[in-house]
C-alpha atoms as a PDB file:
ATOM      1  CA  MET A   1      45.735 -15.124  -9.552  1.00  0.00           C
ATOM      2  CA  LEU A   2      46.923 -14.792 -13.173  1.00  0.00           C
ATOM      3  CA  TRP A   3      47.108 -11.033 -12.958  1.00  0.00           C
ATOM      4  CA  MET A   4      49.182 -11.308  -9.762  1.00  0.00           C
ATOM      5  CA  ARG A   5      51.761 -13.585 -11.416  1.00  0.00           C
ATOM      6  CA  TYR A   6      51.835 -11.276 -14.434  1.00  0.00           C
ATOM      7  CA  LEU A   7      52.415  -8.311 -12.153  1.00  0.00           C
ATOM      8  CA  LEU A   8      55.446 -10.077 -10.607  1.00  0.00           C
ATOM      9  CA  TYR A   9      56.711 -10.849 -14.122  1.00  0.00           C
ATOM     10  CA  THR A  10      56.571  -7.166 -15.058  1.00  0.00           C
ATOM     11  CA  PHE A  11      59.127  -6.321 -12.377  1.00  0.00           C
ATOM     12  CA  ARG A  12      61.702  -8.471 -14.181  1.00  0.00           C
ATOM     13  CA  ALA A  13      60.651  -7.634 -17.723  1.00  0.00           C
ATOM     14  CA  THR A  14      61.662  -4.606 -19.696  1.00  0.00           C
ATOM     15  CA  THR A  15      60.146  -2.529 -22.541  1.00  0.00           C
ATOM     16  CA  HIS A  16      61.634  -1.958 -25.944  1.00  0.00           C
ATOM     17  CA  HIS A  17      63.977   0.616 -24.425  1.00  0.00           C
ATOM     18  CA  GLY A  18      65.913  -2.157 -22.687  1.00  0.00           C
ATOM     19  CA  VAL A  19      66.641  -4.119 -25.875  1.00  0.00           C
ATOM     20  CA  HIS A  20      70.076  -3.597 -27.368  1.00  0.00           C
ATOM     21  CA  SER A  21      69.781  -5.976 -30.316  1.00  0.00           C
ATOM     22  CA  PRO A  22      68.731  -4.030 -33.438  1.00  0.00           C
ATOM     23  CA  PHE A  23      67.028  -7.163 -34.904  1.00  0.00           C
ATOM     24  CA  ILE A  24      64.900  -7.759 -31.789  1.00  0.00           C
ATOM     25  CA  PHE A  25      64.282  -4.045 -31.304  1.00  0.00           C
ATOM     26  CA  SER A  26      62.924  -3.876 -34.870  1.00  0.00           C
ATOM     27  CA  LEU A  27      60.679  -6.891 -34.242  1.00  0.00           C
ATOM     28  CA  ILE A  28      59.146  -5.647 -31.000  1.00  0.00           C
ATOM     29  CA  THR A  29      58.722  -2.019 -32.023  1.00  0.00           C
ATOM     30  CA  HIS A  30      57.036  -2.956 -35.328  1.00  0.00           C
ATOM     31  CA  CYS A  31      54.842  -5.599 -33.763  1.00  0.00           C
ATOM     32  CA  PHE A  32      54.049  -4.540 -30.237  1.00  0.00           C
ATOM     33  CA  TYR A  33      55.021  -0.933 -29.515  1.00  0.00           C
ATOM     34  CA  ASN A  34      52.712   0.780 -31.952  1.00  0.00           C
ATOM     35  CA  ARG A  35      49.160   2.128 -32.069  1.00  0.00           C
ATOM     36  CA  ALA A  36      47.753  -0.831 -33.921  1.00  0.00           C
ATOM     37  CA  TRP A  37      48.792  -3.298 -31.161  1.00  0.00           C
ATOM     38  CA  ARG A  38      48.048  -1.007 -28.243  1.00  0.00           C
ATOM     39  CA  SER A  39      44.570  -0.101 -29.495  1.00  0.00           C
ATOM     40  CA  ARG A  40      43.549  -3.743 -29.916  1.00  0.00           C
ATOM     41  CA  THR A  41      45.117  -5.435 -26.924  1.00  0.00           C
ATOM     42  CA  PHE A  42      43.628  -6.264 -23.528  1.00  0.00           C
ATOM     43  CA  PHE A  43      44.458  -8.535 -20.644  1.00  0.00           C
ATOM     44  CA  PRO A  44      43.496 -12.081 -21.695  1.00  0.00           C
ATOM     45  CA  TYR A  45      41.307 -12.992 -18.777  1.00  0.00           C
ATOM     46  CA  SER A  46      39.500 -15.837 -20.653  1.00  0.00           C
ATOM     47  CA  GLU A  47      40.530 -18.514 -23.158  1.00  0.00           C
ATOM     48  CA  LYS A  48      38.406 -16.865 -25.834  1.00  0.00           C
ATOM     49  CA  LYS A  49      40.137 -13.505 -25.335  1.00  0.00           C
ATOM     50  CA  TYR A  50      43.534 -15.304 -25.267  1.00  0.00           C
ATOM     51  CA  LYS A  51      42.829 -16.932 -28.620  1.00  0.00           C
ATOM     52  CA  GLN A  52      41.875 -13.553 -30.093  1.00  0.00           C
ATOM     53  CA  LEU A  53      45.133 -12.020 -28.842  1.00  0.00           C
ATOM     54  CA  THR A  54      47.133 -14.971 -30.156  1.00  0.00           C
ATOM     55  CA  LEU A  55      45.766 -14.443 -33.660  1.00  0.00           C
ATOM     56  CA  LEU A  56      46.712 -10.768 -33.416  1.00  0.00           C
ATOM     57  CA  PHE A  57      50.156 -11.733 -32.112  1.00  0.00           C
ATOM     58  CA  LYS A  58      50.719 -13.994 -35.156  1.00  0.00           C
ATOM     59  CA  ALA A  59      49.416 -11.356 -37.562  1.00  0.00           C
ATOM     60  CA  GLN A  60      51.790  -8.730 -36.114  1.00  0.00           C
ATOM     61  CA  ILE A  61      54.841 -11.017 -36.590  1.00  0.00           C
ATOM     62  CA  ASN A  62      53.763 -11.892 -40.123  1.00  0.00           C
ATOM     63  CA  SER A  63      53.406  -8.208 -40.851  1.00  0.00           C
ATOM     64  CA  TRP A  64      56.941  -7.568 -39.609  1.00  0.00           C
ATOM     65  CA  LEU A  65      58.371 -10.400 -41.712  1.00  0.00           C
ATOM     66  CA  ALA A  66      56.644  -9.061 -44.824  1.00  0.00           C
ATOM     67  CA  ALA A  67      57.628  -5.438 -44.157  1.00  0.00           C
ATOM     68  CA  HIS A  68      61.297  -6.371 -43.789  1.00  0.00           C
ATOM     69  CA  LYS A  69      61.201  -8.967 -46.581  1.00  0.00           C
ATOM     70  CA  LEU A  70      62.559 -11.694 -44.308  1.00  0.00           C
ATOM     71  CA  ASP A  71      62.293 -15.272 -45.457  1.00  0.00           C
ATOM     72  CA  TYR A  72      61.652 -16.818 -42.041  1.00  0.00           C
ATOM     73  CA  GLN A  73      59.259 -19.676 -41.506  1.00  0.00           C
ATOM     74  CA  LEU A  74      56.803 -18.821 -38.728  1.00  0.00           C
ATOM     75  CA  GLU A  75      55.384 -21.604 -36.608  1.00  0.00           C
ATOM     76  CA  ILE A  76      52.911 -21.311 -33.700  1.00  0.00           C
ATOM     77  CA  LEU A  77      53.015 -24.179 -31.208  1.00  0.00           C
ATOM     78  CA  GLU A  78      51.226 -24.674 -27.929  1.00  0.00           C
ATOM     79  CA  PHE A  79      53.734 -24.982 -25.139  1.00  0.00           C
ATOM     80  CA  ASN A  80      52.831 -27.894 -22.882  1.00  0.00           C
ATOM     81  CA  ASN A  81      54.489 -30.517 -20.725  1.00  0.00           C
ATOM     82  CA  GLN A  82      55.318 -32.720 -23.733  1.00  0.00           C
ATOM     83  CA  ILE A  83      57.232 -30.029 -25.666  1.00  0.00           C
ATOM     84  CA  LYS A  84      60.674 -31.144 -26.770  1.00  0.00           C
ATOM     85  CA  PRO A  85      63.605 -28.863 -27.530  1.00  0.00           C
ATOM     86  CA  ILE A  86      63.544 -27.886 -31.157  1.00  0.00           C
ATOM     87  CA  THR A  87      67.070 -26.546 -31.459  1.00  0.00           C
ATOM     88  CA  ALA A  88      68.318 -29.538 -33.386  1.00  0.00           C
ATOM     89  CA  THR A  89      65.467 -29.286 -35.890  1.00  0.00           C
ATOM     90  CA  LEU A  90      65.966 -25.525 -36.234  1.00  0.00           C
ATOM     91  CA  LYS A  91      69.440 -26.075 -37.742  1.00  0.00           C
ATOM     92  CA  SER A  92      68.224 -28.830 -40.128  1.00  0.00           C
ATOM     93  CA  GLN A  93      65.898 -26.508 -42.026  1.00  0.00           C
ATOM     94  CA  ASN A  94      66.996 -24.763 -45.185  1.00  0.00           C
ATOM     95  CA  ARG A  95      65.155 -21.635 -44.074  1.00  0.00           C
ATOM     96  CA  PRO A  96      65.489 -19.898 -40.721  1.00  0.00           C
ATOM     97  CA  ARG A  97      62.533 -20.209 -38.362  1.00  0.00           C
ATOM     98  CA  ILE A  98      60.705 -18.254 -35.728  1.00  0.00           C
ATOM     99  CA  VAL A  99      58.817 -20.609 -33.422  1.00  0.00           C
ATOM    100  CA  CYS A 100      56.260 -18.911 -31.195  1.00  0.00           C
ATOM    101  CA  TYR A 101      54.877 -20.786 -28.219  1.00  0.00           C
ATOM    102  CA  THR A 102      51.442 -20.118 -26.755  1.00  0.00           C
ATOM    103  CA  HIS A 103      50.022 -20.779 -23.292  1.00  0.00           C
ATOM    104  CA  LEU A 104      53.238 -20.013 -21.436  1.00  0.00           C
ATOM    105  CA  HIS A 105      51.237 -18.585 -18.547  1.00  0.00           C
ATOM    106  CA  LYS A 106      50.036 -22.105 -17.798  1.00  0.00           C
ATOM    107  CA  HIS A 107      53.499 -23.683 -17.850  1.00  0.00           C
ATOM    108  CA  ARG A 108      55.816 -21.048 -16.389  1.00  0.00           C
ATOM    109  CA  LYS A 109      58.153 -23.418 -14.503  1.00  0.00           C
ATOM    110  CA  LYS A 110      58.586 -25.648 -17.530  1.00  0.00           C
ATOM    111  CA  TRP A 111      59.192 -22.582 -19.718  1.00  0.00           C
ATOM    112  CA  GLU A 112      61.827 -21.186 -17.299  1.00  0.00           C
ATOM    113  CA  GLY A 113      63.644 -24.511 -17.565  1.00  0.00           C
ATOM    114  CA  TYR A 114      63.334 -24.383 -21.341  1.00  0.00           C
ATOM    115  CA  LEU A 115      64.848 -20.887 -21.405  1.00  0.00           C
ATOM    116  CA  LYS A 116      67.871 -21.982 -19.367  1.00  0.00           C
ATOM    117  CA  ASN A 117      68.563 -25.174 -21.344  1.00  0.00           C
ATOM    118  CA  ASN A 118      68.065 -24.096 -24.962  1.00  0.00           C
ATOM    119  CA  PRO A 119      70.408 -21.889 -26.881  1.00  0.00           C
ATOM    120  CA  GLY A 120      69.204 -19.308 -29.344  1.00  0.00           C
ATOM    121  CA  ILE A 121      67.362 -16.048 -29.250  1.00  0.00           C
ATOM    122  CA  LEU A 122      64.489 -16.512 -26.822  1.00  0.00           C
ATOM    123  CA  ILE A 123      61.878 -13.903 -26.152  1.00  0.00           C
ATOM    124  CA  ASP A 124      59.497 -14.209 -23.225  1.00  0.00           C
ATOM    125  CA  PHE A 125      56.299 -12.148 -23.398  1.00  0.00           C
ATOM    126  CA  TYR A 126      54.774 -14.034 -20.430  1.00  0.00           C
ATOM    127  CA  PHE A 127      51.752 -15.287 -22.368  1.00  0.00           C
ATOM    128  CA  TRP A 128      53.775 -16.140 -25.491  1.00  0.00           C
ATOM    129  CA  GLY A 129      57.390 -16.835 -26.290  1.00  0.00           C
ATOM    130  CA  CYS A 130      59.485 -16.927 -29.393  1.00  0.00           C
ATOM    131  CA  GLN A 131      62.601 -18.881 -30.313  1.00  0.00           C
ATOM    132  CA  ILE A 132      64.472 -17.449 -33.277  1.00  0.00           C
ATOM    133  CA  GLU A 133      67.126 -19.109 -35.352  1.00  0.00           C
ATOM    134  CA  ARG A 134      69.731 -16.541 -36.274  1.00  0.00           C
ATOM    135  CA  ASP A 135      73.366 -17.596 -36.694  1.00  0.00           C
ATOM    136  CA  ILE A 136      74.793 -14.054 -36.701  1.00  0.00           C
ATOM    137  CA  GLN A 137      73.527 -13.191 -33.224  1.00  0.00           C
ATOM    138  CA  VAL A 138      74.697 -14.587 -29.888  1.00  0.00           C
ATOM    139  CA  ASN A 139      72.299 -16.544 -27.657  1.00  0.00           C
ATOM    140  CA  GLN A 140      70.145 -14.216 -25.562  1.00  0.00           C
ATOM    141  CA  ILE A 141      66.997 -14.238 -23.488  1.00  0.00           C
ATOM    142  CA  PHE A 142      64.693 -11.211 -23.497  1.00  0.00           C
ATOM    143  CA  TYR A 143      61.848 -10.666 -20.989  1.00  0.00           C
ATOM    144  CA  LEU A 144      59.469  -8.113 -22.491  1.00  0.00           C
ATOM    145  CA  LYS A 145      56.256  -6.380 -21.456  1.00  0.00           C
ATOM    146  CA  ILE A 146      53.818  -6.023 -24.360  1.00  0.00           C
ATOM    147  CA  LEU A 147      50.480  -5.797 -22.552  1.00  0.00           C
END
């Protein structure tokens, strides 16, 4: 059933060619549209495989932050039914943040509501999602295929 819902998601999602923000384009091409990611990814059909991919996901984003010398704080949080909007806490930090959520495939309806009700740069990868604090860019939602 998971693969069927993912297949439906891919009809709405785009690849890096559909992204017009240079900042987001840089992030996704460096992290997910390269040989390193493509050669090591697979469909996460079990929790063990999902955890392996999540570690790789985090490593790719850290690599991008280091390569571009960006001083962003990276946080990985599990998205669940108790998640509260973090927009207010994003602005209170001295340093910009990228908050990546895991387990979105288990909470799609809640995540869709979160996307509609929270400003910022939001990226939906189906299994993961990122919320980025960036004052110089307008609020946008990106639906991207990376698997």
